[in-house]
Amino acid sequence: MALAQSKLALLRIRSVRQDMLAALVACPIPEGMKRLEGLERYERAALVQQRQALRSLTLERG
């Protein structure tokens, strides 16, 4: 369940990032770059959660 939740979070984050990048291409503003940098923090956290879920799943199947 945790693996599915982390994958879903990554999909959402990446979708938002794509939308933000498209908006930046249309109208580049420095504030948009700051928001993208902030989004990276959430993506890294979601990746950590995914790795932890994969490790726990691997240990369970052992």
Protein backbone atom coordinates (compact mmCIF):
# COMPACT_ATOMS: atom_id res chain seq x y z
CA MET A 1 0.00 0.00 0.00
CA ALA A 2 2.82 2.42 0.85
CA LEU A 3 4.49 1.72 -2.47
CA ALA A 4 1.34 2.57 -4.39
CA GLN A 5 0.86 5.76 -2.38
CA SER A 6 4.43 6.89 -3.01
CA LYS A 7 4.12 6.17 -6.74
CA LEU A 8 0.88 8.13 -6.87
CA ALA A 9 2.52 11.06 -5.07
CA LEU A 10 5.36 11.02 -7.60
CA LEU A 11 2.91 11.02 -10.49
CA ARG A 12 1.07 14.00 -9.04
CA ILE A 13 4.27 15.93 -8.40
CA ARG A 14 5.58 15.26 -11.89
CA SER A 15 2.28 16.32 -13.42
CA VAL A 16 2.37 19.59 -11.51
CA ARG A 17 5.99 20.12 -12.55
CA GLN A 18 5.08 19.62 -16.22
CA ASP A 19 2.33 22.23 -15.90
CA MET A 20 4.70 24.64 -14.18
CA LEU A 21 7.37 24.16 -16.84
CA ALA A 22 4.84 24.81 -19.60
CA ALA A 23 3.77 28.01 -17.86
CA LEU A 24 7.41 29.08 -17.51
CA VAL A 25 8.05 28.56 -21.20
CA ALA A 26 5.04 30.72 -22.03
CA CYS A 27 5.92 33.45 -19.54
CA PRO A 28 9.30 33.16 -17.79
CA ILE A 29 9.30 34.76 -14.35
CA PRO A 30 11.79 34.29 -11.48
CA GLU A 31 8.99 33.40 -9.05
CA GLY A 32 8.15 30.36 -11.17
CA MET A 33 11.70 29.07 -10.83
CA LYS A 34 11.51 29.36 -7.05
CA ARG A 35 8.29 27.36 -7.04
CA LEU A 36 9.94 24.67 -9.16
CA GLU A 37 12.83 24.45 -6.71
CA GLY A 38 10.34 24.03 -3.86
CA LEU A 39 8.58 21.28 -5.77
CA GLU A 40 11.87 19.37 -6.03
CA ARG A 41 11.92 19.06 -2.24
CA TYR A 42 8.58 17.24 -2.31
CA GLU A 43 9.73 15.01 -5.15
CA ARG A 44 12.84 13.99 -3.21
CA ALA A 45 10.73 13.16 -0.16
CA ALA A 46 8.38 11.06 -2.29
CA LEU A 47 11.35 9.22 -3.79
CA VAL A 48 12.67 8.46 -0.30
CA GLN A 49 9.26 7.08 0.69
CA GLN A 50 9.21 4.93 -2.44
CA ARG A 51 12.67 3.53 -1.70
CA GLN A 52 11.68 2.75 1.89
CA ALA A 53 8.52 1.00 0.73
CA LEU A 54 10.50 -1.07 -1.78
CA ARG A 55 13.05 -2.04 0.86
CA SER A 56 10.38 -3.11 3.35
CA LEU A 57 8.62 -5.09 0.65
CA THR A 58 11.88 -6.80 -0.29
CA LEU A 59 12.62 -7.64 3.35
CA GLU A 60 9.13 -9.09 3.82
CA ARG A 61 9.55 -11.40 0.85
CA GLY A 62 13.12 -12.05 1.93
